[in-house]
Amino acid sequence: MTARKTGFFAHRRRAAIGAAALGAAAFVGLAGTRTIAIAQNATPGASLPDVVVTARPAFAIFSKSNEASTDHVNYEIWGKFVSQLVAFEGSRTAVAYRVIKDAGLDFLGAYVNNLQTIRPEHLNRQEQLALWINLHNAEAIRATTVAYPVRAGDNLVNGDAWNATSLHVSGVDFSLNDLRTNIIGVNFKDPRVLAALVLPAKSGPSIQKAAFTGRNVDAELSAAARQYVNLRGVVNVKGDVAFVSPVYTLNRQFFDGEDAKILAHLKQFADPKLAARLAVATHVEAGDFNWALNDFVPRSDGVAQAQQREYSQPGGSAGGGGGHGS
């Protein structure tokens, strides 16, 4: 995937300057305001981690909310970060991990730390969900950047980067996988959220251009679901079987464990051609997943170059056609 000079990135120097500018931004906390501003100085076939819902008493605090709260968290700085350090081509995104490691890791670490100071139990549920998604995605990019350079993300998601208790909110320690499964998965059983939680892989959900906020979370979740469902290789239909991304098949708790509900979700967000293929599907099986890192390296000659092979649908039993991308 190659970008022109007028597209994703002008060149690495510009990206580094952008990261440095973000790192110099003001750091604003809760401070009793109504708006909480947040800112601050390939292995196809590898599996996603097993989803194990753990009933930890400490997590009970995250089931609480304050529906009377009118507080809003301002994530504008995250949108600026994404606009400068993520490349967009159609429905696909790639992350400039090298540039972030060179010039933006301090900012990203401080941003993640600041998000952890917010007390979600004091927010309404829309604000809570936006906070959890943004925290997950920022920490996912930070953890990947710390480990960079890597060629694929499977060892990260199946290892300590996703399973160590690296996060601390409201007095509770938890991991990225806890956040996905035991906090978001338990308290927000909205299957659209699966398309909003990024993974360090080409087959994972794409990063959204706009940060999630309490005000836009519903619309952004629908946009993310529509984008991911229609991404090439995410859904492939062969006969009456829909081979779908393990992002869905390994998170069946979002669908009460029922194939029919997975299919209904896919049909809801599929474009007309894919919806027609799904109309004959009666059950779901796990499809392929390409773990090659969604990496993007701006070249010093002024051309932005994604250091990843052109996406090709992995082979295997799921190769019957169905999902497709931009």
Protein backbone atom coordinates (compact mmCIF):
# COMPACT_ATOMS: atom_id res chain seq x y z
CA MET A 1 0.00 0.00 0.00
CA THR A 2 1.67 3.20 -1.19
CA ALA A 3 0.56 6.76 -0.51
CA ARG A 4 1.35 9.80 -2.60
CA LYS A 5 3.03 12.83 -1.16
CA THR A 6 -0.30 14.64 -1.01
CA GLY A 7 -1.96 11.72 0.75
CA PHE A 8 -1.18 9.98 4.02
CA PHE A 9 2.11 11.58 5.00
CA ALA A 10 4.47 14.06 3.36
CA HIS A 11 7.52 12.35 4.89
CA ARG A 12 9.01 11.11 8.10
CA ARG A 13 10.30 14.51 9.21
CA ARG A 14 6.82 15.98 9.02
CA ALA A 15 5.46 13.06 11.02
CA ALA A 16 8.12 13.46 13.69
CA ILE A 17 7.39 17.19 13.95
CA GLY A 18 3.70 16.40 14.30
CA ALA A 19 4.33 13.94 17.12
CA ALA A 20 6.58 16.41 18.90
CA ALA A 21 3.95 19.13 18.64
CA LEU A 22 1.34 16.83 20.14
CA GLY A 23 3.72 15.97 22.97
CA ALA A 24 4.02 19.64 23.84
CA ALA A 25 0.26 20.15 24.24
CA ALA A 26 -1.22 21.22 27.56
CA PHE A 27 -2.14 18.51 30.04
CA VAL A 28 -5.59 19.22 31.46
CA GLY A 29 -7.26 16.98 34.02
CA LEU A 30 -10.70 16.87 35.60
CA ALA A 31 -10.34 20.15 37.49
CA GLY A 32 -14.07 20.30 38.20
CA THR A 33 -14.97 21.33 34.65
CA ARG A 34 -17.98 20.13 32.72
CA THR A 35 -15.77 19.11 29.82
CA ILE A 36 -12.86 16.88 30.71
CA ALA A 37 -9.99 17.73 28.38
CA ILE A 38 -7.38 15.07 27.71
CA ALA A 39 -4.01 16.09 26.29
CA GLN A 40 -0.25 15.90 26.94
CA ASN A 41 3.27 17.39 27.02
CA ALA A 42 2.40 -12.09 8.56
CA THR A 43 1.08 -15.09 10.13
CA PRO A 44 -2.27 -16.15 8.58
CA GLY A 45 -4.14 -18.70 10.62
CA ALA A 46 -2.76 -17.73 14.03
CA SER A 47 -5.51 -17.59 16.61
CA LEU A 48 -6.86 -14.79 18.71
CA PRO A 49 -6.71 -15.41 22.46
CA ASP A 50 -9.48 -17.49 23.94
CA VAL A 51 -12.20 -15.32 25.40
CA VAL A 52 -12.61 -16.13 29.08
CA VAL A 53 -15.10 -14.04 31.03
CA THR A 54 -13.82 -13.67 34.59
CA ALA A 55 -16.17 -12.55 37.34
CA ARG A 56 -13.78 -10.51 39.48
CA PRO A 57 -15.45 -8.71 42.39
CA ALA A 58 -13.25 -5.66 41.84
CA PHE A 59 -14.76 -5.22 38.36
CA ALA A 60 -18.21 -4.58 39.90
CA ILE A 61 -17.40 -0.87 40.15
CA PHE A 62 -17.41 -0.69 36.36
CA SER A 63 -21.08 -1.70 36.22
CA LYS A 64 -21.95 1.57 37.97
CA SER A 65 -22.73 4.80 36.15
CA ASN A 66 -24.19 8.23 36.81
CA GLU A 67 -26.89 8.76 34.22
CA ALA A 68 -27.51 12.25 35.57
CA SER A 69 -23.96 13.29 34.71
CA THR A 70 -23.54 15.88 31.97
CA ASP A 71 -19.74 15.66 31.97
CA HIS A 72 -18.13 15.16 28.59
CA VAL A 73 -14.60 14.00 27.93
CA ASN A 74 -12.79 15.96 25.20
CA TYR A 75 -10.67 13.64 23.02
CA GLU A 76 -9.69 16.23 20.42
CA ILE A 77 -5.98 15.60 20.94
CA TRP A 78 -6.47 11.90 20.08
CA GLY A 79 -8.04 12.87 16.77
CA LYS A 80 -4.98 14.99 15.97
CA PHE A 81 -2.67 12.14 16.91
CA VAL A 82 -4.51 9.74 14.62
CA SER A 83 -4.63 12.21 11.74
CA GLN A 84 -0.84 12.58 11.78
CA LEU A 85 0.29 9.05 12.60
CA VAL A 86 -2.26 6.77 10.96
CA ALA A 87 -2.55 6.22 7.19
CA PHE A 88 -5.98 5.74 5.65
CA GLU A 89 -6.69 4.03 2.35
CA GLY A 90 -10.33 3.20 1.84
CA SER A 91 -11.43 1.04 4.76
CA ARG A 92 -7.88 0.07 5.73
CA THR A 93 -5.54 1.79 8.13
CA ALA A 94 -1.86 1.43 8.96
CA VAL A 95 0.01 2.88 11.92
CA ALA A 96 3.38 4.69 11.84
CA TYR A 97 4.76 2.69 14.77
CA ARG A 98 8.37 3.63 14.00
CA VAL A 99 7.61 7.35 14.04
CA ILE A 100 5.61 7.01 17.25
CA LYS A 101 8.51 5.13 18.86
CA ASP A 102 10.99 7.79 17.75
CA ALA A 103 8.98 10.89 18.59
CA GLY A 104 5.55 10.16 20.04
CA LEU A 105 5.85 7.42 22.64
CA ASP A 106 6.16 9.81 25.59
CA PHE A 107 2.99 11.59 24.48
CA LEU A 108 1.14 8.32 24.02
CA GLY A 109 2.20 7.01 27.42
CA ALA A 110 1.14 10.24 29.13
CA TYR A 111 -2.17 10.19 27.26
CA VAL A 112 -2.92 6.65 28.39
CA ASN A 113 -1.96 7.55 31.95
CA ASN A 114 -4.25 10.56 31.92
CA LEU A 115 -7.22 8.56 30.65
CA GLN A 116 -6.73 6.24 33.62
CA THR A 117 -7.31 9.12 36.06
CA ILE A 118 -10.93 9.50 34.93
CA ARG A 119 -13.49 7.77 37.16
CA PRO A 120 -15.91 6.05 34.76
CA GLU A 121 -18.44 5.34 37.50
CA HIS A 122 -19.07 9.11 37.64
CA LEU A 123 -19.97 9.27 33.93
CA ASN A 124 -23.10 8.27 32.03
CA ARG A 125 -22.96 5.07 29.99
CA GLN A 126 -22.33 6.74 26.65
CA GLU A 127 -19.33 8.59 28.07
CA GLN A 128 -18.14 5.40 29.78
CA LEU A 129 -18.18 3.38 26.57
CA ALA A 130 -16.32 6.09 24.65
CA LEU A 131 -13.71 6.22 27.41
CA TRP A 132 -13.19 2.46 27.42
CA ILE A 133 -12.84 2.25 23.61
CA ASN A 134 -10.38 5.15 23.46
CA LEU A 135 -8.36 3.78 26.37
CA HIS A 136 -8.24 0.34 24.77
CA ASN A 137 -7.10 1.68 21.41
CA ALA A 138 -4.51 4.08 22.80
CA GLU A 139 -3.01 1.36 25.02
CA ALA A 140 -3.08 -1.15 22.14
CA ILE A 141 -1.06 1.22 19.96
CA ARG A 142 1.27 2.09 22.86
CA ALA A 143 1.92 -1.59 23.71
CA THR A 144 2.58 -2.41 20.06
CA THR A 145 4.92 0.56 19.71
CA VAL A 146 6.91 -0.49 22.80
CA ALA A 147 7.44 -3.95 21.27
CA TYR A 148 8.20 -2.58 17.78
CA PRO A 149 9.77 -3.66 15.48
CA VAL A 150 7.69 -6.79 15.11
CA ARG A 151 6.45 -8.43 11.92
CA ALA A 152 3.16 -9.72 13.29
CA GLY A 153 0.86 -9.01 16.21
CA ASP A 154 -0.16 -12.49 17.32
CA ASN A 155 2.57 -12.83 19.97
CA LEU A 156 1.55 -9.47 21.40
CA VAL A 157 -2.16 -10.24 21.68
CA ASN A 158 -1.52 -13.76 22.97
CA GLY A 159 1.26 -12.63 25.31
CA ASP A 160 2.03 -10.18 28.08
CA ALA A 161 1.31 -7.04 26.05
CA TRP A 162 -2.42 -7.85 26.12
CA ASN A 163 -2.58 -10.05 29.23
CA ALA A 164 -0.39 -8.28 31.82
CA THR A 165 -2.20 -5.94 34.21
CA SER A 166 -0.91 -2.77 32.58
CA LEU A 167 -3.94 -0.57 33.28
CA HIS A 168 -5.29 0.92 36.51
CA VAL A 169 -8.65 2.69 36.75
CA SER A 170 -10.73 3.47 39.85
CA GLY A 171 -8.37 1.44 42.02
CA VAL A 172 -8.60 -1.68 39.85
CA ASP A 173 -5.72 -3.26 37.91
CA PHE A 174 -6.55 -4.99 34.64
CA SER A 175 -5.19 -5.98 31.24
CA LEU A 176 -6.16 -5.09 27.70
CA ASN A 177 -7.91 -8.44 27.38
CA ASP A 178 -9.75 -7.76 30.65
CA LEU A 179 -10.86 -4.43 29.24
CA ARG A 180 -12.22 -6.04 26.07
CA THR A 181 -13.84 -9.08 27.69
CA ASN A 182 -14.54 -8.45 31.37
CA ILE A 183 -15.33 -4.73 31.29
CA ILE A 184 -16.67 -3.80 27.86
CA GLY A 185 -17.95 -7.30 27.09
CA VAL A 186 -19.77 -7.66 30.39
CA ASN A 187 -21.20 -4.15 30.71
CA PHE A 188 -21.78 -3.25 27.05
CA LYS A 189 -22.99 -6.24 25.05
CA ASP A 190 -23.23 -4.22 21.87
CA PRO A 191 -21.62 -6.32 19.10
CA ARG A 192 -20.73 -3.19 17.14
CA VAL A 193 -17.99 -2.54 19.67
CA LEU A 194 -16.00 -5.50 18.32
CA ALA A 195 -15.30 -3.48 15.17
CA ALA A 196 -14.07 -0.54 17.25
CA LEU A 197 -11.37 -2.30 19.29
CA VAL A 198 -8.16 -2.21 17.27
CA LEU A 199 -5.66 -5.04 16.93
CA PRO A 200 -2.05 -4.92 15.64
CA ALA A 201 -2.91 -6.91 12.52
CA LYS A 202 -4.02 -6.40 8.95
CA SER A 203 -7.17 -8.44 9.55
CA GLY A 204 -8.08 -6.46 12.67
CA PRO A 205 -10.57 -3.59 12.92
CA SER A 206 -9.38 -0.29 11.52
CA ILE A 207 -8.71 2.81 13.58
CA GLN A 208 -11.44 5.40 13.16
CA LYS A 209 -10.51 8.91 12.05
CA ALA A 210 -12.63 10.49 14.76
CA ALA A 211 -12.23 9.71 18.45
CA PHE A 212 -15.21 8.12 20.14
CA THR A 213 -17.09 10.53 22.40
CA GLY A 214 -20.21 10.25 24.49
CA ARG A 215 -22.03 12.32 21.90
CA ASN A 216 -20.96 10.38 18.80
CA VAL A 217 -20.41 6.87 20.14
CA ASP A 218 -23.60 5.41 18.68
CA ALA A 219 -22.97 6.77 15.18
CA GLU A 220 -19.27 5.89 15.27
CA LEU A 221 -19.98 2.32 16.38
CA SER A 222 -22.34 1.84 13.44
CA ALA A 223 -19.74 3.31 11.07
CA ALA A 224 -17.03 1.03 12.48
CA ALA A 225 -19.26 -2.06 12.19
CA ARG A 226 -20.18 -1.22 8.60
CA GLN A 227 -16.53 -0.64 7.72
CA TYR A 228 -15.27 -3.87 9.27
CA VAL A 229 -18.04 -6.20 8.10
CA ASN A 230 -17.43 -5.12 4.50
CA LEU A 231 -13.63 -5.26 4.69
CA ARG A 232 -12.29 -7.87 2.29
CA GLY A 233 -11.67 -11.19 4.01
CA VAL A 234 -13.72 -10.48 7.14
CA VAL A 235 -16.79 -12.33 5.85
CA ASN A 236 -16.63 -15.06 3.20
CA VAL A 237 -19.67 -17.12 2.28
CA LYS A 238 -19.42 -20.61 0.83
CA GLY A 239 -22.67 -22.43 0.40
CA ASP A 240 -24.68 -22.06 3.58
CA VAL A 241 -21.61 -21.34 5.73
CA ALA A 242 -20.38 -17.85 6.58
CA PHE A 243 -16.68 -17.95 7.40
CA VAL A 244 -16.14 -14.85 9.51
CA SER A 245 -13.31 -13.16 11.32
CA PRO A 246 -12.42 -14.69 14.70
CA VAL A 247 -13.08 -11.19 16.05
CA TYR A 248 -16.72 -12.35 15.94
CA THR A 249 -16.51 -16.10 16.47
CA LEU A 250 -14.32 -15.80 19.58
CA ASN A 251 -16.56 -13.16 21.12
CA ARG A 252 -19.84 -15.03 20.99
CA GLN A 253 -20.93 -13.62 24.33
CA PHE A 254 -21.87 -10.48 22.42
CA PHE A 255 -24.36 -12.62 20.46
CA ASP A 256 -25.64 -14.85 23.27
CA GLY A 257 -23.61 -17.63 21.66
CA GLU A 258 -26.00 -17.89 18.70
CA ASP A 259 -24.97 -18.13 15.04
CA ALA A 260 -28.30 -16.57 14.04
CA LYS A 261 -27.47 -13.40 15.95
CA ILE A 262 -24.00 -13.19 14.40
CA LEU A 263 -25.57 -13.54 10.95
CA ALA A 264 -28.21 -10.93 11.75
CA HIS A 265 -25.50 -8.49 12.82
CA LEU A 266 -23.48 -9.10 9.66
CA LYS A 267 -26.55 -8.66 7.44
CA GLN A 268 -27.44 -5.42 9.21
CA PHE A 269 -24.15 -3.80 8.23
CA ALA A 270 -23.30 -5.62 5.00
CA ASP A 271 -23.42 -3.82 1.67
CA PRO A 272 -26.05 -5.17 -0.78
CA LYS A 273 -23.75 -7.67 -2.53
CA LEU A 274 -22.49 -9.19 0.69
CA ALA A 275 -26.00 -9.16 2.20
CA ALA A 276 -27.23 -11.20 -0.78
CA ARG A 277 -24.55 -13.82 -0.14
CA LEU A 278 -25.33 -13.88 3.58
CA ALA A 279 -29.03 -14.45 2.85
CA VAL A 280 -28.33 -18.14 2.17
CA ALA A 281 -26.00 -18.65 5.14
CA THR A 282 -27.40 -20.65 8.03
CA HIS A 283 -24.38 -21.08 10.29
CA VAL A 284 -21.04 -19.50 11.11
CA GLU A 285 -17.49 -20.81 11.26
CA ALA A 286 -14.20 -19.07 12.01
CA GLY A 287 -12.41 -17.75 8.95
CA ASP A 288 -8.79 -16.84 8.39
CA PHE A 289 -7.03 -14.01 10.19
CA ASN A 290 -3.91 -12.28 8.86
CA TRP A 291 -1.66 -11.25 11.74
CA ALA A 292 0.86 -9.32 9.61
CA LEU A 293 1.44 -6.03 11.41
CA ASN A 294 -0.56 -3.04 10.16
CA ASP A 295 2.66 -1.07 9.93
CA PHE A 296 3.34 2.15 8.05
CA VAL A 297 6.84 3.56 7.55
CA PRO A 298 7.17 7.03 5.96
CA ARG A 299 10.23 7.02 3.70
CA SER A 300 12.78 9.81 3.95
CA ASP A 301 12.50 10.59 0.22
CA GLY A 302 9.11 12.19 0.71
CA VAL A 303 6.92 9.26 -0.20
CA ALA A 304 4.88 7.49 2.45
CA GLN A 305 5.32 3.76 2.19
CA ALA A 306 3.35 1.11 4.05
CA GLN A 307 5.74 -1.66 5.00
CA GLN A 308 3.24 -4.39 4.37
CA ARG A 309 2.49 -6.60 1.42
CA GLU A 310 -0.59 -5.79 -0.62
CA TYR A 311 -3.45 -7.45 1.20
CA SER A 312 -4.26 -10.85 -0.19
CA GLN A 313 -6.98 -13.01 1.20
CA PRO A 314 -5.45 -15.96 3.06
CA GLY A 315 -6.20 -19.35 1.59
CA GLY A 316 -8.11 -22.12 3.25
CA SER A 317 -11.68 -23.27 3.55
CA ALA A 318 -12.93 -19.70 3.88
CA GLY A 319 -11.97 -18.80 0.34
CA GLY A 320 -15.45 -18.96 -1.10
CA GLY A 321 -15.94 -15.23 -1.72
CA GLY A 322 -18.11 -12.87 0.25
CA GLY A 323 -16.61 -9.95 2.11
CA HIS A 324 -14.74 -7.35 0.14
CA GLY A 325 -13.04 -4.07 0.75
CA SER A 326 -12.66 -0.70 -0.81
